[in-house]
Amino acid sequence: MGFAVEWAPRAEDDLDRLPVRLLSFVIDGIYQFADDPVRLSRRPSLANQVYQRYSFSIDLPGESFEVLVFFQYTQDEMAIEIAGVVATPF
């Protein structure tokens, strides 16, 4: 069972800051992740961290990016709320 995706204002701002060439790959990756976030995500490594994490890579000709997505389940557990998105070249 997939989850709906909700976007926090900060995550929307993060998307606005991404290079245009990455935007569709990032959004597609997040929606694919929403199909099975329980299996694909990592729990917070420290007790005081609020958000779980999901990471994936994007390989484009001549460049690669690691995308880190911070999220939490909504209270009714029917959706994931994307709290932030970071794309780092590697």
N, C-alpha and C. Protein backbone atom coordinates (compact mmCIF):
# COMPACT_ATOMS: atom_id res chain seq x y z
N MET A 1 0.82 -1.17 0.00
CA MET A 1 0.00 0.00 0.00
C MET A 1 0.87 1.25 0.00
N GLY A 2 0.61 2.14 -0.90
CA GLY A 2 1.36 3.38 -0.98
C GLY A 2 0.82 4.44 -0.04
N PHE A 3 1.60 5.43 0.19
CA PHE A 3 1.24 6.55 1.04
C PHE A 3 1.08 7.80 0.19
N ALA A 4 0.18 8.67 0.59
CA ALA A 4 0.07 9.99 -0.04
C ALA A 4 1.31 10.80 0.34
N VAL A 5 1.63 11.81 -0.44
CA VAL A 5 2.77 12.67 -0.15
C VAL A 5 2.26 14.08 0.15
N GLU A 6 2.68 14.60 1.29
CA GLU A 6 2.38 15.98 1.67
C GLU A 6 3.71 16.72 1.78
N TRP A 7 3.69 17.98 1.42
CA TRP A 7 4.92 18.78 1.37
C TRP A 7 4.86 19.88 2.43
N ALA A 8 5.83 19.90 3.33
CA ALA A 8 5.95 21.00 4.29
C ALA A 8 6.47 22.22 3.53
N PRO A 9 6.18 23.42 4.01
CA PRO A 9 6.65 24.62 3.33
C PRO A 9 8.17 24.64 3.11
N ARG A 10 8.93 24.16 4.08
CA ARG A 10 10.39 24.13 3.91
C ARG A 10 10.79 23.21 2.77
N ALA A 11 10.13 22.07 2.64
CA ALA A 11 10.44 21.14 1.55
C ALA A 11 10.12 21.78 0.20
N GLU A 12 9.03 22.52 0.13
CA GLU A 12 8.71 23.22 -1.11
C GLU A 12 9.79 24.24 -1.45
N ASP A 13 10.30 24.94 -0.42
CA ASP A 13 11.40 25.87 -0.63
C ASP A 13 12.66 25.14 -1.10
N ASP A 14 12.92 23.97 -0.51
CA ASP A 14 14.07 23.17 -0.93
C ASP A 14 13.96 22.79 -2.40
N LEU A 15 12.77 22.38 -2.83
CA LEU A 15 12.56 22.03 -4.24
C LEU A 15 12.82 23.23 -5.14
N ASP A 16 12.38 24.40 -4.71
CA ASP A 16 12.60 25.62 -5.49
C ASP A 16 14.08 25.92 -5.68
N ARG A 17 14.91 25.50 -4.73
CA ARG A 17 16.36 25.77 -4.80
C ARG A 17 17.14 24.73 -5.59
N LEU A 18 16.51 23.60 -5.89
CA LEU A 18 17.21 22.56 -6.64
C LEU A 18 17.49 23.01 -8.07
N PRO A 19 18.59 22.53 -8.65
CA PRO A 19 18.80 22.79 -10.07
C PRO A 19 17.64 22.21 -10.89
N VAL A 20 17.20 22.94 -11.87
CA VAL A 20 16.03 22.54 -12.67
C VAL A 20 16.23 21.14 -13.27
N ARG A 21 17.45 20.81 -13.68
CA ARG A 21 17.71 19.51 -14.31
C ARG A 21 17.47 18.33 -13.35
N LEU A 22 17.43 18.60 -12.03
CA LEU A 22 17.21 17.53 -11.05
C LEU A 22 15.77 17.40 -10.59
N LEU A 23 14.99 18.42 -10.76
CA LEU A 23 13.68 18.51 -10.13
C LEU A 23 12.78 17.31 -10.44
N SER A 24 12.63 16.95 -11.70
CA SER A 24 11.73 15.84 -12.03
C SER A 24 12.26 14.51 -11.48
N PHE A 25 13.58 14.33 -11.45
CA PHE A 25 14.15 13.10 -10.89
C PHE A 25 13.89 13.01 -9.39
N VAL A 26 14.02 14.14 -8.70
CA VAL A 26 13.79 14.16 -7.25
C VAL A 26 12.32 13.89 -6.94
N ILE A 27 11.43 14.56 -7.62
CA ILE A 27 10.00 14.36 -7.36
C ILE A 27 9.59 12.92 -7.69
N ASP A 28 10.06 12.39 -8.81
CA ASP A 28 9.78 10.99 -9.15
C ASP A 28 10.30 10.04 -8.09
N GLY A 29 11.53 10.30 -7.60
CA GLY A 29 12.13 9.45 -6.57
C GLY A 29 11.34 9.46 -5.28
N ILE A 30 10.82 10.61 -4.92
CA ILE A 30 10.03 10.72 -3.69
C ILE A 30 8.70 9.98 -3.84
N TYR A 31 8.05 10.11 -4.99
CA TYR A 31 6.78 9.40 -5.17
C TYR A 31 6.99 7.88 -5.28
N GLN A 32 8.10 7.44 -5.84
CA GLN A 32 8.41 6.01 -5.84
C GLN A 32 8.65 5.52 -4.41
N PHE A 33 9.35 6.34 -3.65
CA PHE A 33 9.60 6.02 -2.24
C PHE A 33 8.29 5.90 -1.47
N ALA A 34 7.32 6.76 -1.77
CA ALA A 34 6.03 6.75 -1.06
C ALA A 34 5.27 5.45 -1.24
N ASP A 35 5.63 4.67 -2.26
CA ASP A 35 4.99 3.37 -2.46
C ASP A 35 5.35 2.37 -1.35
N ASP A 36 6.55 2.52 -0.75
CA ASP A 36 6.96 1.58 0.30
C ASP A 36 7.97 2.22 1.25
N PRO A 37 7.60 3.28 1.95
CA PRO A 37 8.57 3.97 2.80
C PRO A 37 9.04 3.15 4.00
N VAL A 38 8.22 2.23 4.46
CA VAL A 38 8.62 1.42 5.62
C VAL A 38 9.87 0.60 5.28
N ARG A 39 9.90 0.03 4.10
CA ARG A 39 11.04 -0.80 3.70
C ARG A 39 12.26 0.03 3.30
N LEU A 40 12.05 1.19 2.72
CA LEU A 40 13.15 1.94 2.11
C LEU A 40 13.81 2.98 3.02
N SER A 41 13.15 3.38 4.09
CA SER A 41 13.67 4.48 4.90
C SER A 41 14.59 4.00 6.01
N ARG A 42 15.27 4.98 6.60
CA ARG A 42 16.11 4.73 7.77
C ARG A 42 15.53 5.52 8.94
N ARG A 43 15.47 4.86 10.07
CA ARG A 43 15.00 5.53 11.28
C ARG A 43 16.05 6.55 11.73
N PRO A 44 15.63 7.53 12.53
CA PRO A 44 16.61 8.49 13.06
C PRO A 44 17.68 7.76 13.86
N SER A 45 18.92 8.20 13.72
CA SER A 45 20.01 7.53 14.41
C SER A 45 20.19 8.03 15.84
N LEU A 46 19.65 9.20 16.14
CA LEU A 46 19.73 9.74 17.49
C LEU A 46 18.32 9.89 18.06
N ALA A 47 18.20 9.73 19.34
CA ALA A 47 16.88 9.77 19.98
C ALA A 47 16.17 11.11 19.80
N ASN A 48 16.90 12.20 19.68
CA ASN A 48 16.26 13.51 19.59
C ASN A 48 15.96 13.94 18.15
N GLN A 49 16.25 13.10 17.17
CA GLN A 49 15.93 13.44 15.78
C GLN A 49 14.47 13.13 15.50
N VAL A 50 13.80 14.07 14.88
CA VAL A 50 12.37 13.94 14.62
C VAL A 50 12.12 13.19 13.32
N TYR A 51 12.91 13.45 12.30
CA TYR A 51 12.60 12.95 10.97
C TYR A 51 13.34 11.67 10.63
N GLN A 52 12.65 10.82 9.89
CA GLN A 52 13.30 9.67 9.29
C GLN A 52 13.92 10.14 7.98
N ARG A 53 14.78 9.29 7.40
CA ARG A 53 15.51 9.69 6.21
C ARG A 53 15.37 8.64 5.11
N TYR A 54 15.43 9.14 3.92
CA TYR A 54 15.49 8.28 2.73
C TYR A 54 16.49 8.93 1.79
N SER A 55 17.37 8.11 1.23
CA SER A 55 18.34 8.66 0.28
C SER A 55 18.36 7.83 -0.99
N PHE A 56 18.65 8.51 -2.08
CA PHE A 56 18.81 7.84 -3.37
C PHE A 56 19.74 8.67 -4.22
N SER A 57 20.28 8.08 -5.27
CA SER A 57 21.19 8.81 -6.13
C SER A 57 20.59 9.04 -7.50
N ILE A 58 21.08 10.09 -8.12
CA ILE A 58 20.69 10.46 -9.47
C ILE A 58 21.96 10.54 -10.29
N ASP A 59 22.02 9.77 -11.36
CA ASP A 59 23.17 9.78 -12.26
C ASP A 59 22.77 10.42 -13.57
N LEU A 60 23.41 11.55 -13.86
CA LEU A 60 23.21 12.25 -15.12
C LEU A 60 24.52 12.21 -15.90
N PRO A 61 24.50 12.44 -17.19
CA PRO A 61 25.75 12.44 -17.94
C PRO A 61 26.76 13.43 -17.34
N GLY A 62 27.86 12.90 -16.88
CA GLY A 62 28.94 13.74 -16.34
C GLY A 62 28.77 14.20 -14.91
N GLU A 63 27.69 13.85 -14.23
CA GLU A 63 27.52 14.26 -12.85
C GLU A 63 26.56 13.32 -12.12
N SER A 64 26.78 13.22 -10.81
CA SER A 64 25.93 12.37 -9.97
C SER A 64 25.58 13.14 -8.70
N PHE A 65 24.40 12.85 -8.17
CA PHE A 65 23.92 13.52 -6.97
C PHE A 65 23.37 12.50 -5.99
N GLU A 66 23.59 12.76 -4.72
CA GLU A 66 22.97 12.01 -3.64
C GLU A 66 21.84 12.88 -3.10
N VAL A 67 20.65 12.33 -3.05
CA VAL A 67 19.48 13.08 -2.57
C VAL A 67 19.08 12.53 -1.21
N LEU A 68 18.95 13.41 -0.25
CA LEU A 68 18.54 13.03 1.10
C LEU A 68 17.19 13.69 1.38
N VAL A 69 16.22 12.86 1.75
CA VAL A 69 14.86 13.31 2.00
C VAL A 69 14.55 13.09 3.48
N PHE A 70 14.11 14.14 4.15
CA PHE A 70 13.69 14.05 5.55
C PHE A 70 12.17 14.03 5.57
N PHE A 71 11.60 13.09 6.30
CA PHE A 71 10.15 12.94 6.30
C PHE A 71 9.66 12.41 7.64
N GLN A 72 8.35 12.49 7.82
CA GLN A 72 7.69 11.83 8.94
C GLN A 72 6.32 11.36 8.47
N TYR A 73 5.81 10.37 9.15
CA TYR A 73 4.46 9.89 8.85
C TYR A 73 3.45 10.87 9.45
N THR A 74 2.35 11.08 8.77
CA THR A 74 1.30 11.91 9.33
C THR A 74 0.65 11.17 10.50
N GLN A 75 -0.09 11.88 11.30
CA GLN A 75 -0.67 11.29 12.49
C GLN A 75 -1.59 10.12 12.17
N ASP A 76 -2.30 10.18 11.06
CA ASP A 76 -3.19 9.08 10.69
C ASP A 76 -2.47 7.96 9.93
N GLU A 77 -1.18 8.15 9.68
CA GLU A 77 -0.33 7.18 8.98
C GLU A 77 -0.85 6.81 7.59
N MET A 78 -1.51 7.76 6.96
CA MET A 78 -1.98 7.56 5.58
C MET A 78 -1.10 8.30 4.57
N ALA A 79 -0.20 9.13 5.09
CA ALA A 79 0.65 9.94 4.22
C ALA A 79 2.02 10.10 4.86
N ILE A 80 2.97 10.50 4.03
CA ILE A 80 4.27 10.94 4.54
C ILE A 80 4.36 12.43 4.27
N GLU A 81 4.88 13.15 5.25
CA GLU A 81 5.11 14.58 5.07
C GLU A 81 6.59 14.79 4.80
N ILE A 82 6.89 15.33 3.65
CA ILE A 82 8.27 15.62 3.30
C ILE A 82 8.65 16.93 3.99
N ALA A 83 9.66 16.86 4.85
CA ALA A 83 10.07 18.03 5.65
C ALA A 83 11.22 18.77 5.00
N GLY A 84 12.04 18.08 4.24
CA GLY A 84 13.19 18.73 3.63
C GLY A 84 13.83 17.82 2.59
N VAL A 85 14.53 18.45 1.64
CA VAL A 85 15.19 17.72 0.55
C VAL A 85 16.54 18.39 0.29
N VAL A 86 17.60 17.58 0.22
CA VAL A 86 18.93 18.09 -0.07
C VAL A 86 19.53 17.23 -1.18
N ALA A 87 20.11 17.87 -2.19
CA ALA A 87 20.81 17.16 -3.25
C ALA A 87 22.26 17.60 -3.25
N THR A 88 23.17 16.65 -3.09
CA THR A 88 24.59 16.94 -3.00
C THR A 88 25.33 16.24 -4.14
N PRO A 89 26.15 16.98 -4.91
CA PRO A 89 26.93 16.32 -5.95
C PRO A 89 28.01 15.42 -5.33
N PHE A 90 28.30 14.33 -6.01
CA PHE A 90 29.42 13.48 -5.55
C PHE A 90 30.17 12.94 -6.74
